[in-house]
Amino acid sequence: MDKENNWLLSHPELIAHYPGEYIAIVGESVVAHGKDFKAVLKEAERPDQEPLIHKVPLTDKEIVV
């Protein structure tokens, strides 16, 4: 998971691409994304790899009060 965490931290542009979504990272790639956690996890799971699932926060522009 360290590899995935480090990759995520070095790619802040992901926030602009996936606001409010869950992203699944394996190695140095986003392998699945979406608003439904279970669907993202199911799509990303592989027998030999455990994905890192991260919830991308909404930016201020997407927050509606």
Protein backbone atom coordinates (compact mmCIF):
# COMPACT_ATOMS: atom_id res chain seq x y z
CA MET A 1 0.00 0.00 0.00
CA ASP A 2 2.94 2.35 0.46
CA LYS A 3 3.51 2.45 -3.29
CA GLU A 4 -0.12 3.41 -3.91
CA ASN A 5 -0.14 6.02 -1.12
CA ASN A 6 3.03 7.64 -2.42
CA TRP A 7 1.69 7.67 -5.97
CA LEU A 8 -1.59 9.23 -4.82
CA LEU A 9 0.24 11.95 -2.88
CA SER A 10 2.36 12.81 -5.91
CA HIS A 11 -0.70 13.20 -8.19
CA PRO A 12 -2.94 15.91 -6.70
CA GLU A 13 -4.53 16.47 -10.13
CA LEU A 14 -6.73 13.44 -9.38
CA ILE A 15 -8.90 15.71 -7.27
CA ALA A 16 -9.86 17.65 -10.39
CA HIS A 17 -10.71 14.48 -12.35
CA TYR A 18 -12.70 12.56 -9.71
CA PRO A 19 -14.35 15.00 -7.26
CA GLY A 20 -16.67 13.24 -4.84
CA GLU A 21 -15.80 9.79 -6.19
CA TYR A 22 -14.01 6.76 -4.82
CA ILE A 23 -10.88 5.84 -6.72
CA ALA A 24 -9.14 2.47 -6.62
CA ILE A 25 -5.38 2.52 -7.10
CA VAL A 26 -3.21 -0.49 -7.84
CA GLY A 27 0.50 0.18 -8.28
CA GLU A 28 0.67 3.48 -10.09
CA SER A 29 -2.71 3.46 -11.81
CA VAL A 30 -6.33 4.27 -11.15
CA VAL A 31 -8.05 0.99 -11.99
CA ALA A 32 -11.63 1.95 -11.07
CA HIS A 33 -13.63 4.97 -9.96
CA GLY A 34 -17.19 5.92 -9.14
CA LYS A 35 -19.60 7.11 -6.49
CA ASP A 36 -20.48 3.64 -5.17
CA PHE A 37 -17.79 2.24 -2.85
CA LYS A 38 -18.83 -1.41 -3.24
CA ALA A 39 -18.94 -1.20 -7.05
CA VAL A 40 -15.48 0.40 -7.19
CA LEU A 41 -14.05 -2.21 -4.83
CA LYS A 42 -15.62 -5.08 -6.80
CA GLU A 43 -14.26 -3.75 -10.09
CA ALA A 44 -10.76 -3.20 -8.67
CA GLU A 45 -10.29 -6.43 -6.69
CA ARG A 46 -7.85 -8.95 -8.11
CA PRO A 47 -6.70 -12.22 -6.50
CA ASP A 48 -3.07 -11.10 -6.54
CA GLN A 49 -3.47 -7.37 -5.76
CA GLU A 50 -5.22 -5.40 -3.07
CA PRO A 51 -6.35 -1.95 -4.24
CA LEU A 52 -6.07 1.24 -2.24
CA ILE A 53 -9.51 2.87 -2.15
CA HIS A 54 -9.53 6.63 -1.61
CA LYS A 55 -12.51 9.02 -1.44
CA VAL A 56 -11.69 12.19 -3.34
CA PRO A 57 -13.24 15.18 -1.57
CA LEU A 58 -15.51 17.61 -3.36
CA THR A 59 -13.93 20.92 -4.27
CA ASP A 60 -15.52 24.12 -3.01
CA LYS A 61 -17.17 24.61 -6.42
CA GLU A 62 -19.15 21.35 -6.14
CA ILE A 63 -20.46 21.89 -2.61
CA VAL A 64 -24.08 23.01 -2.65
CA VAL A 65 -25.68 24.20 0.56
